[in-house]
Amino acid sequence: VARSEIHNYDFTDFMLVFGFNSNLYSVDDGPSPGNLGGA
C-alpha cells in the first residue's frame, strides 16, 4: 500500500546489491500523486 511514487533506481540498486532480479509492478489507482519525497 502506498500513496507516493518512488524512484526506480532506489529499488533496482537495492536489489542489485544483494544480487536479486525481482520485478515490482506499480499500479496507479486514479491520478498519480507523483513522488512526494521525505518519509
PDB file of all heavy atoms in Angstrom:
ATOM      1  N   VAL A   1       0.849  -1.188   0.000  1.00  0.00           N
ATOM      2  CA  VAL A   1       0.000   0.000   0.000  1.00  0.00           C
ATOM      3  C   VAL A   1       0.888   1.243   0.000  1.00  0.00           C
ATOM      4  O   VAL A   1       1.795   1.373   0.823  1.00  0.00           O
ATOM      5  CB  VAL A   1      -0.914   0.007   1.240  1.00  0.00           C
ATOM      6  CG1 VAL A   1      -1.679   1.324   1.348  1.00  0.00           C
ATOM      7  CG2 VAL A   1      -1.877  -1.171   1.199  1.00  0.00           C
ATOM      8  N   ALA A   2       0.636   2.179  -0.917  1.00  0.00           N
ATOM      9  CA  ALA A   2       1.441   3.402  -0.992  1.00  0.00           C
ATOM     10  C   ALA A   2       0.595   4.562  -1.485  1.00  0.00           C
ATOM     11  O   ALA A   2      -0.480   4.366  -2.066  1.00  0.00           O
ATOM     12  CB  ALA A   2       2.641   3.196  -1.915  1.00  0.00           C
ATOM     13  N   ARG A   3       1.088   5.768  -1.247  1.00  0.00           N
ATOM     14  CA  ARG A   3       0.459   6.973  -1.796  1.00  0.00           C
ATOM     15  C   ARG A   3       1.516   7.909  -2.377  1.00  0.00           C
ATOM     16  O   ARG A   3       1.278   9.095  -2.550  1.00  0.00           O
ATOM     17  CB  ARG A   3      -0.381   7.680  -0.729  1.00  0.00           C
ATOM     18  CG  ARG A   3       0.396   8.191   0.466  1.00  0.00           C
ATOM     19  CD  ARG A   3      -0.501   8.813   1.508  1.00  0.00           C
ATOM     20  NE  ARG A   3       0.265   9.262   2.666  1.00  0.00           N
ATOM     21  CZ  ARG A   3      -0.195   9.313   3.909  1.00  0.00           C
ATOM     22  NH1 ARG A   3      -1.422   8.916   4.179  1.00  0.00           N
ATOM     23  NH2 ARG A   3       0.563   9.757   4.893  1.00  0.00           N
ATOM     24  N   SER A   4       2.698   7.373  -2.659  1.00  0.00           N
ATOM     25  CA  SER A   4       3.762   8.121  -3.316  1.00  0.00           C
ATOM     26  C   SER A   4       4.469   7.204  -4.290  1.00  0.00           C
ATOM     27  O   SER A   4       4.698   6.021  -3.996  1.00  0.00           O
ATOM     28  CB  SER A   4       4.772   8.657  -2.292  1.00  0.00           C
ATOM     29  OG  SER A   4       5.901   9.231  -2.932  1.00  0.00           O
ATOM     30  N   GLU A   5       4.827   7.753  -5.458  1.00  0.00           N
ATOM     31  CA  GLU A   5       5.686   7.009  -6.374  1.00  0.00           C
ATOM     32  C   GLU A   5       7.100   6.968  -5.797  1.00  0.00           C
ATOM     33  O   GLU A   5       7.426   7.717  -4.864  1.00  0.00           O
ATOM     34  CB  GLU A   5       5.712   7.700  -7.745  1.00  0.00           C
ATOM     35  CG  GLU A   5       4.356   8.021  -8.332  1.00  0.00           C
ATOM     36  CD  GLU A   5       3.604   6.792  -8.837  1.00  0.00           C
ATOM     37  OE1 GLU A   5       4.108   5.665  -8.686  1.00  0.00           O
ATOM     38  OE2 GLU A   5       2.496   6.973  -9.383  1.00  0.00           O
ATOM     39  N   ILE A   6       7.945   6.099  -6.328  1.00  0.00           N
ATOM     40  CA  ILE A   6       9.337   6.031  -5.897  1.00  0.00           C
ATOM     41  C   ILE A   6      10.238   6.180  -7.113  1.00  0.00           C
ATOM     42  O   ILE A   6       9.795   6.045  -8.251  1.00  0.00           O
ATOM     43  CB  ILE A   6       9.640   4.712  -5.160  1.00  0.00           C
ATOM     44  CG1 ILE A   6       9.520   3.519  -6.120  1.00  0.00           C
ATOM     45  CG2 ILE A   6       8.730   4.537  -3.957  1.00  0.00           C
ATOM     46  CD1 ILE A   6       9.925   2.194  -5.500  1.00  0.00           C
ATOM     47  N   HIS A   7      11.509   6.484  -6.873  1.00  0.00           N
ATOM     48  CA  HIS A   7      12.492   6.493  -7.944  1.00  0.00           C
ATOM     49  C   HIS A   7      12.876   5.046  -8.264  1.00  0.00           C
ATOM     50  O   HIS A   7      13.259   4.281  -7.369  1.00  0.00           O
ATOM     51  CB  HIS A   7      13.733   7.282  -7.537  1.00  0.00           C
ATOM     52  CG  HIS A   7      13.478   8.751  -7.374  1.00  0.00           C
ATOM     53  ND1 HIS A   7      13.040   9.551  -8.405  1.00  0.00           N
ATOM     54  CD2 HIS A   7      13.612   9.567  -6.291  1.00  0.00           C
ATOM     55  CE1 HIS A   7      12.900  10.793  -7.968  1.00  0.00           C
ATOM     56  NE2 HIS A   7      13.238  10.829  -6.689  1.00  0.00           N
ATOM     57  N   ASN A   8      12.811   4.689  -9.511  1.00  0.00           N
ATOM     58  CA  ASN A   8      13.083   3.310  -9.911  1.00  0.00           C
ATOM     59  C   ASN A   8      14.440   2.818  -9.418  1.00  0.00           C
ATOM     60  O   ASN A   8      14.594   1.677  -8.981  1.00  0.00           O
ATOM     61  CB  ASN A   8      13.022   3.195 -11.434  1.00  0.00           C
ATOM     62  CG  ASN A   8      11.637   3.492 -11.977  1.00  0.00           C
ATOM     63  OD1 ASN A   8      10.762   3.975 -11.270  1.00  0.00           O
ATOM     64  ND2 ASN A   8      11.436   3.207 -13.248  1.00  0.00           N
ATOM     65  N   TYR A   9      15.439   3.713  -9.496  1.00  0.00           N
ATOM     66  CA  TYR A   9      16.789   3.260  -9.166  1.00  0.00           C
ATOM     67  C   TYR A   9      16.954   2.934  -7.689  1.00  0.00           C
ATOM     68  O   TYR A   9      17.834   2.153  -7.322  1.00  0.00           O
ATOM     69  CB  TYR A   9      17.828   4.295  -9.597  1.00  0.00           C
ATOM     70  CG  TYR A   9      17.605   5.701  -9.074  1.00  0.00           C
ATOM     71  CD1 TYR A   9      17.895   6.046  -7.755  1.00  0.00           C
ATOM     72  CD2 TYR A   9      17.115   6.691  -9.911  1.00  0.00           C
ATOM     73  CE1 TYR A   9      17.688   7.318  -7.280  1.00  0.00           C
ATOM     74  CE2 TYR A   9      16.911   7.980  -9.447  1.00  0.00           C
ATOM     75  CZ  TYR A   9      17.205   8.302  -8.129  1.00  0.00           C
ATOM     76  OH  TYR A   9      16.996   9.572  -7.667  1.00  0.00           O
ATOM     77  N   ASP A  10      16.133   3.511  -6.811  1.00  0.00           N
ATOM     78  CA  ASP A  10      16.233   3.146  -5.394  1.00  0.00           C
ATOM     79  C   ASP A  10      15.905   1.674  -5.192  1.00  0.00           C
ATOM     80  O   ASP A  10      16.517   0.992  -4.366  1.00  0.00           O
ATOM     81  CB  ASP A  10      15.280   4.002  -4.553  1.00  0.00           C
ATOM     82  CG  ASP A  10      15.787   5.416  -4.362  1.00  0.00           C
ATOM     83  OD1 ASP A  10      17.009   5.620  -4.459  1.00  0.00           O
ATOM     84  OD2 ASP A  10      14.961   6.321  -4.120  1.00  0.00           O
ATOM     85  N   PHE A  11      14.932   1.197  -5.947  1.00  0.00           N
ATOM     86  CA  PHE A  11      14.568  -0.218  -5.847  1.00  0.00           C
ATOM     87  C   PHE A  11      15.603  -1.104  -6.538  1.00  0.00           C
ATOM     88  O   PHE A  11      16.090  -2.081  -5.960  1.00  0.00           O
ATOM     89  CB  PHE A  11      13.188  -0.445  -6.460  1.00  0.00           C
ATOM     90  CG  PHE A  11      12.688  -1.853  -6.331  1.00  0.00           C
ATOM     91  CD1 PHE A  11      12.000  -2.263  -5.202  1.00  0.00           C
ATOM     92  CD2 PHE A  11      12.917  -2.783  -7.337  1.00  0.00           C
ATOM     93  CE1 PHE A  11      11.545  -3.569  -5.080  1.00  0.00           C
ATOM     94  CE2 PHE A  11      12.463  -4.085  -7.226  1.00  0.00           C
ATOM     95  CZ  PHE A  11      11.773  -4.477  -6.091  1.00  0.00           C
ATOM     96  N   THR A  12      15.946  -0.759  -7.772  1.00  0.00           N
ATOM     97  CA  THR A  12      16.856  -1.626  -8.539  1.00  0.00           C
ATOM     98  C   THR A  12      18.245  -1.671  -7.927  1.00  0.00           C
ATOM     99  O   THR A  12      18.878  -2.723  -7.893  1.00  0.00           O
ATOM    100  CB  THR A  12      16.939  -1.153  -9.999  1.00  0.00           C
ATOM    101  OG1 THR A  12      17.304   0.224 -10.029  1.00  0.00           O
ATOM    102  CG2 THR A  12      15.599  -1.327 -10.696  1.00  0.00           C
ATOM    103  N   ASP A  13      18.751  -0.538  -7.411  1.00  0.00           N
ATOM    104  CA  ASP A  13      20.079  -0.546  -6.795  1.00  0.00           C
ATOM    105  C   ASP A  13      20.102  -1.418  -5.547  1.00  0.00           C
ATOM    106  O   ASP A  13      21.058  -2.154  -5.296  1.00  0.00           O
ATOM    107  CB  ASP A  13      20.511   0.879  -6.430  1.00  0.00           C
ATOM    108  CG  ASP A  13      20.924   1.696  -7.650  1.00  0.00           C
ATOM    109  OD1 ASP A  13      21.103   1.083  -8.724  1.00  0.00           O
ATOM    110  OD2 ASP A  13      21.054   2.923  -7.532  1.00  0.00           O
ATOM    111  N   PHE A  14      19.044  -1.340  -4.742  1.00  0.00           N
ATOM    112  CA  PHE A  14      18.968  -2.191  -3.549  1.00  0.00           C
ATOM    113  C   PHE A  14      18.992  -3.657  -3.936  1.00  0.00           C
ATOM    114  O   PHE A  14      19.724  -4.469  -3.344  1.00  0.00           O
ATOM    115  CB  PHE A  14      17.690  -1.871  -2.768  1.00  0.00           C
ATOM    116  CG  PHE A  14      17.494  -2.695  -1.522  1.00  0.00           C
ATOM    117  CD1 PHE A  14      17.955  -2.249  -0.293  1.00  0.00           C
ATOM    118  CD2 PHE A  14      16.854  -3.929  -1.569  1.00  0.00           C
ATOM    119  CE1 PHE A  14      17.786  -3.008   0.859  1.00  0.00           C
ATOM    120  CE2 PHE A  14      16.673  -4.693  -0.428  1.00  0.00           C
ATOM    121  CZ  PHE A  14      17.142  -4.230   0.790  1.00  0.00           C
ATOM    122  N   MET A  15      18.195  -4.018  -4.930  1.00  0.00           N
ATOM    123  CA  MET A  15      18.131  -5.416  -5.329  1.00  0.00           C
ATOM    124  C   MET A  15      19.467  -5.883  -5.913  1.00  0.00           C
ATOM    125  O   MET A  15      19.904  -7.013  -5.662  1.00  0.00           O
ATOM    126  CB  MET A  15      17.005  -5.625  -6.344  1.00  0.00           C
ATOM    127  CG  MET A  15      15.627  -5.173  -5.868  1.00  0.00           C
ATOM    128  SD  MET A  15      15.156  -5.785  -4.226  1.00  0.00           S
ATOM    129  CE  MET A  15      14.927  -7.526  -4.585  1.00  0.00           C
ATOM    130  N   LEU A  16      20.139  -5.009  -6.665  1.00  0.00           N
ATOM    131  CA  LEU A  16      21.418  -5.391  -7.260  1.00  0.00           C
ATOM    132  C   LEU A  16      22.504  -5.611  -6.210  1.00  0.00           C
ATOM    133  O   LEU A  16      23.366  -6.470  -6.376  1.00  0.00           O
ATOM    134  CB  LEU A  16      21.866  -4.318  -8.258  1.00  0.00           C
ATOM    135  CG  LEU A  16      21.136  -4.302  -9.596  1.00  0.00           C
ATOM    136  CD1 LEU A  16      21.533  -3.067 -10.398  1.00  0.00           C
ATOM    137  CD2 LEU A  16      21.420  -5.571 -10.385  1.00  0.00           C
ATOM    138  N   VAL A  17      22.475  -4.824  -5.135  1.00  0.00           N
ATOM    139  CA  VAL A  17      23.467  -5.006  -4.067  1.00  0.00           C
ATOM    140  C   VAL A  17      23.449  -6.441  -3.563  1.00  0.00           C
ATOM    141  O   VAL A  17      24.497  -7.026  -3.249  1.00  0.00           O
ATOM    142  CB  VAL A  17      23.206  -4.019  -2.911  1.00  0.00           C
ATOM    143  CG1 VAL A  17      23.971  -4.429  -1.658  1.00  0.00           C
ATOM    144  CG2 VAL A  17      23.594  -2.600  -3.319  1.00  0.00           C
ATOM    145  N   PHE A  18      22.268  -7.044  -3.505  1.00  0.00           N
ATOM    146  CA  PHE A  18      22.144  -8.403  -2.972  1.00  0.00           C
ATOM    147  C   PHE A  18      21.975  -9.443  -4.066  1.00  0.00           C
ATOM    148  O   PHE A  18      21.687 -10.609  -3.794  1.00  0.00           O
ATOM    149  CB  PHE A  18      20.973  -8.462  -1.984  1.00  0.00           C
ATOM    150  CG  PHE A  18      21.152  -7.535  -0.810  1.00  0.00           C
ATOM    151  CD1 PHE A  18      20.447  -6.358  -0.715  1.00  0.00           C
ATOM    152  CD2 PHE A  18      22.076  -7.837   0.189  1.00  0.00           C
ATOM    153  CE1 PHE A  18      20.621  -5.505   0.345  1.00  0.00           C
ATOM    154  CE2 PHE A  18      22.261  -6.983   1.264  1.00  0.00           C
ATOM    155  CZ  PHE A  18      21.544  -5.810   1.345  1.00  0.00           C
ATOM    156  N   GLY A  19      22.133  -9.035  -5.314  1.00  0.00           N
ATOM    157  CA  GLY A  19      22.123  -9.988  -6.422  1.00  0.00           C
ATOM    158  C   GLY A  19      20.762 -10.513  -6.802  1.00  0.00           C
ATOM    159  O   GLY A  19      20.654 -11.595  -7.389  1.00  0.00           O
ATOM    160  N   PHE A  20      19.701  -9.748  -6.503  1.00  0.00           N
ATOM    161  CA  PHE A  20      18.354 -10.204  -6.827  1.00  0.00           C
ATOM    162  C   PHE A  20      17.891  -9.621  -8.150  1.00  0.00           C
ATOM    163  O   PHE A  20      18.348  -8.564  -8.580  1.00  0.00           O
ATOM    164  CB  PHE A  20      17.355  -9.804  -5.734  1.00  0.00           C
ATOM    165  CG  PHE A  20      17.633 -10.447  -4.399  1.00  0.00           C
ATOM    166  CD1 PHE A  20      17.567  -9.701  -3.240  1.00  0.00           C
ATOM    167  CD2 PHE A  20      17.967 -11.784  -4.316  1.00  0.00           C
ATOM    168  CE1 PHE A  20      17.811 -10.281  -2.012  1.00  0.00           C
ATOM    169  CE2 PHE A  20      18.213 -12.377  -3.087  1.00  0.00           C
ATOM    170  CZ  PHE A  20      18.145 -11.628  -1.938  1.00  0.00           C
ATOM    171  N   ASN A  21      16.924 -10.284  -8.740  1.00  0.00           N
ATOM    172  CA  ASN A  21      16.379  -9.838 -10.021  1.00  0.00           C
ATOM    173  C   ASN A  21      14.859  -9.796  -9.953  1.00  0.00           C
ATOM    174  O   ASN A  21      14.163 -10.195 -10.871  1.00  0.00           O
ATOM    175  CB  ASN A  21      16.845 -10.760 -11.155  1.00  0.00           C
ATOM    176  CG  ASN A  21      16.499 -10.195 -12.524  1.00  0.00           C
ATOM    177  OD1 ASN A  21      16.478  -8.986 -12.697  1.00  0.00           O
ATOM    178  ND2 ASN A  21      16.228 -11.072 -13.476  1.00  0.00           N
ATOM    179  N   SER A  22      14.335  -9.324  -8.825  1.00  0.00           N
ATOM    180  CA  SER A  22      12.888  -9.283  -8.634  1.00  0.00           C
ATOM    181  C   SER A  22      12.276  -8.156  -9.448  1.00  0.00           C
ATOM    182  O   SER A  22      12.927  -7.148  -9.740  1.00  0.00           O
ATOM    183  CB  SER A  22      12.560  -9.080  -7.153  1.00  0.00           C
ATOM    184  OG  SER A  22      13.102 -10.123  -6.369  1.00  0.00           O
ATOM    185  N   ASN A  23      11.013  -8.321  -9.807  1.00  0.00           N
ATOM    186  CA  ASN A  23      10.259  -7.286 -10.513  1.00  0.00           C
ATOM    187  C   ASN A  23       9.230  -6.669  -9.580  1.00  0.00           C
ATOM    188  O   ASN A  23       8.623  -7.368  -8.754  1.00  0.00           O
ATOM    189  CB  ASN A  23       9.536  -7.865 -11.728  1.00  0.00           C
ATOM    190  CG  ASN A  23      10.505  -8.338 -12.789  1.00  0.00           C
ATOM    191  OD1 ASN A  23      11.525  -7.697 -13.034  1.00  0.00           O
ATOM    192  ND2 ASN A  23      10.200  -9.463 -13.416  1.00  0.00           N
ATOM    193  N   LEU A  24       9.031  -5.370  -9.693  1.00  0.00           N
ATOM    194  CA  LEU A  24       7.999  -4.676  -8.934  1.00  0.00           C
ATOM    195  C   LEU A  24       7.069  -3.994  -9.919  1.00  0.00           C
ATOM    196  O   LEU A  24       7.496  -3.164 -10.717  1.00  0.00           O
ATOM    197  CB  LEU A  24       8.614  -3.631  -7.993  1.00  0.00           C
ATOM    198  CG  LEU A  24       7.612  -2.767  -7.221  1.00  0.00           C
ATOM    199  CD1 LEU A  24       6.822  -3.614  -6.225  1.00  0.00           C
ATOM    200  CD2 LEU A  24       8.326  -1.635  -6.508  1.00  0.00           C
ATOM    201  N   TYR A  25       5.808  -4.360  -9.881  1.00  0.00           N
ATOM    202  CA  TYR A  25       4.811  -3.765 -10.754  1.00  0.00           C
ATOM    203  C   TYR A  25       4.090  -2.667  -9.973  1.00  0.00           C
ATOM    204  O   TYR A  25       3.600  -2.910  -8.873  1.00  0.00           O
ATOM    205  CB  TYR A  25       3.827  -4.820 -11.242  1.00  0.00           C
ATOM    206  CG  TYR A  25       4.488  -5.901 -12.045  1.00  0.00           C
ATOM    207  CD1 TYR A  25       4.977  -7.043 -11.421  1.00  0.00           C
ATOM    208  CD2 TYR A  25       4.661  -5.768 -13.420  1.00  0.00           C
ATOM    209  CE1 TYR A  25       5.620  -8.038 -12.152  1.00  0.00           C
ATOM    210  CE2 TYR A  25       5.294  -6.754 -14.158  1.00  0.00           C
ATOM    211  CZ  TYR A  25       5.776  -7.888 -13.517  1.00  0.00           C
ATOM    212  OH  TYR A  25       6.413  -8.860 -14.247  1.00  0.00           O
ATOM    213  N   SER A  26       4.053  -1.481 -10.526  1.00  0.00           N
ATOM    214  CA  SER A  26       3.421  -0.348  -9.857  1.00  0.00           C
ATOM    215  C   SER A  26       2.099  -0.022 -10.538  1.00  0.00           C
ATOM    216  O   SER A  26       2.055   0.178 -11.754  1.00  0.00           O
ATOM    217  CB  SER A  26       4.338   0.876  -9.889  1.00  0.00           C
ATOM    218  OG  SER A  26       3.756   1.962  -9.201  1.00  0.00           O
ATOM    219  N   VAL A  27       1.036   0.019  -9.762  1.00  0.00           N
ATOM    220  CA  VAL A  27      -0.308   0.312 -10.262  1.00  0.00           C
ATOM    221  C   VAL A  27      -0.774   1.643  -9.692  1.00  0.00           C
ATOM    222  O   VAL A  27      -0.766   1.841  -8.474  1.00  0.00           O
ATOM    223  CB  VAL A  27      -1.303  -0.802  -9.864  1.00  0.00           C
ATOM    224  CG1 VAL A  27      -2.724  -0.423 -10.273  1.00  0.00           C
ATOM    225  CG2 VAL A  27      -0.906  -2.128 -10.481  1.00  0.00           C
ATOM    226  N   ASP A  28      -1.147   2.557 -10.542  1.00  0.00           N
ATOM    227  CA  ASP A  28      -1.745   3.820 -10.111  1.00  0.00           C
ATOM    228  C   ASP A  28      -3.262   3.672 -10.144  1.00  0.00           C
ATOM    229  O   ASP A  28      -3.847   3.485 -11.213  1.00  0.00           O
ATOM    230  CB  ASP A  28      -1.330   4.965 -11.026  1.00  0.00           C
ATOM    231  CG  ASP A  28       0.106   5.419 -10.803  1.00  0.00           C
ATOM    232  OD1 ASP A  28       0.647   5.101  -9.733  1.00  0.00           O
ATOM    233  OD2 ASP A  28       0.683   6.067 -11.697  1.00  0.00           O
ATOM    234  N   ASP A  29      -3.890   3.767  -8.979  1.00  0.00           N
ATOM    235  CA  ASP A  29      -5.351   3.764  -8.924  1.00  0.00           C
ATOM    236  C   ASP A  29      -5.823   5.210  -8.988  1.00  0.00           C
ATOM    237  O   ASP A  29      -5.865   5.914  -7.988  1.00  0.00           O
ATOM    238  CB  ASP A  29      -5.830   3.093  -7.633  1.00  0.00           C
ATOM    239  CG  ASP A  29      -7.337   3.141  -7.492  1.00  0.00           C
ATOM    240  OD1 ASP A  29      -8.029   3.136  -8.525  1.00  0.00           O
ATOM    241  OD2 ASP A  29      -7.829   3.204  -6.348  1.00  0.00           O
ATOM    242  N   GLY A  30      -6.144   5.654 -10.174  1.00  0.00           N
ATOM    243  CA  GLY A  30      -6.513   7.045 -10.359  1.00  0.00           C
ATOM    244  C   GLY A  30      -5.299   7.877 -10.722  1.00  0.00           C
ATOM    245  O   GLY A  30      -4.241   7.357 -11.061  1.00  0.00           O
ATOM    246  N   PRO A  31      -5.409   9.215 -10.633  1.00  0.00           N
ATOM    247  CA  PRO A  31      -4.293  10.097 -10.987  1.00  0.00           C
ATOM    248  C   PRO A  31      -3.075   9.820 -10.113  1.00  0.00           C
ATOM    249  O   PRO A  31      -3.200   9.581  -8.907  1.00  0.00           O
ATOM    250  CB  PRO A  31      -4.850  11.507 -10.729  1.00  0.00           C
ATOM    251  CG  PRO A  31      -6.331  11.354 -10.746  1.00  0.00           C
ATOM    252  CD  PRO A  31      -6.609   9.972 -10.230  1.00  0.00           C
ATOM    253  N   SER A  32      -1.887   9.862 -10.708  1.00  0.00           N
ATOM    254  CA  SER A  32      -0.665   9.624  -9.945  1.00  0.00           C
ATOM    255  C   SER A  32      -0.375  10.787  -9.012  1.00  0.00           C
ATOM    256  O   SER A  32      -0.475  11.955  -9.410  1.00  0.00           O
ATOM    257  CB  SER A  32       0.522   9.425 -10.886  1.00  0.00           C
ATOM    258  OG  SER A  32       1.743   9.390 -10.150  1.00  0.00           O
ATOM    259  N   PRO A  33       0.000  10.514  -7.770  1.00  0.00           N
ATOM    260  CA  PRO A  33       0.368  11.596  -6.848  1.00  0.00           C
ATOM    261  C   PRO A  33       1.768  12.119  -7.094  1.00  0.00           C
ATOM    262  O   PRO A  33       2.166  13.133  -6.508  1.00  0.00           O
ATOM    263  CB  PRO A  33       0.271  10.925  -5.475  1.00  0.00           C
ATOM    264  CG  PRO A  33       0.621   9.495  -5.753  1.00  0.00           C
ATOM    265  CD  PRO A  33       0.042   9.200  -7.118  1.00  0.00           C
ATOM    266  N   GLY A  34       2.558  11.430  -7.945  1.00  0.00           N
ATOM    267  CA  GLY A  34       3.953  11.790  -8.122  1.00  0.00           C
ATOM    268  C   GLY A  34       4.783  11.317  -6.945  1.00  0.00           C
ATOM    269  O   GLY A  34       4.308  10.607  -6.053  1.00  0.00           O
ATOM    270  N   ASN A  35       6.043  11.708  -6.943  1.00  0.00           N
ATOM    271  CA  ASN A  35       6.940  11.351  -5.839  1.00  0.00           C
ATOM    272  C   ASN A  35       6.848  12.438  -4.777  1.00  0.00           C
ATOM    273  O   ASN A  35       7.239  13.577  -5.005  1.00  0.00           O
ATOM    274  CB  ASN A  35       8.378  11.217  -6.347  1.00  0.00           C
ATOM    275  CG  ASN A  35       9.311  10.643  -5.292  1.00  0.00           C
ATOM    276  OD1 ASN A  35       9.306  11.060  -4.138  1.00  0.00           O
ATOM    277  ND2 ASN A  35      10.126   9.682  -5.693  1.00  0.00           N
ATOM    278  N   LEU A  36       6.313  12.087  -3.597  1.00  0.00           N
ATOM    279  CA  LEU A  36       6.079  13.067  -2.542  1.00  0.00           C
ATOM    280  C   LEU A  36       7.320  13.339  -1.708  1.00  0.00           C
ATOM    281  O   LEU A  36       7.328  14.276  -0.901  1.00  0.00           O
ATOM    282  CB  LEU A  36       4.943  12.590  -1.630  1.00  0.00           C
ATOM    283  CG  LEU A  36       3.599  12.316  -2.322  1.00  0.00           C
ATOM    284  CD1 LEU A  36       2.556  11.881  -1.305  1.00  0.00           C
ATOM    285  CD2 LEU A  36       3.122  13.518  -3.106  1.00  0.00           C
ATOM    286  N   GLY A  37       8.361  12.503  -1.854  1.00  0.00           N
ATOM    287  CA  GLY A  37       9.598  12.720  -1.124  1.00  0.00           C
ATOM    288  C   GLY A  37       9.462  12.457   0.366  1.00  0.00           C
ATOM    289  O   GLY A  37       8.414  12.034   0.865  1.00  0.00           O
ATOM    290  N   GLY A  38      10.536  12.719   1.116  1.00  0.00           N
ATOM    291  CA  GLY A  38      10.523  12.586   2.571  1.00  0.00           C
ATOM    292  C   GLY A  38      10.122  11.217   3.047  1.00  0.00           C
ATOM    293  O   GLY A  38      10.415  10.191   2.426  1.00  0.00           O
ATOM    294  N   ALA A  39       9.434  11.187   4.191  1.00  0.00           N
ATOM    295  CA  ALA A  39       9.021   9.921   4.785  1.00  0.00           C
ATOM    296  C   ALA A  39       8.063   9.153   3.899  1.00  0.00           C
ATOM    297  O   ALA A  39       8.014   7.921   3.937  1.00  0.00           O
ATOM    298  CB  ALA A  39       8.387  10.166   6.154  1.00  0.00           C
TER     299      ALA A  39
END
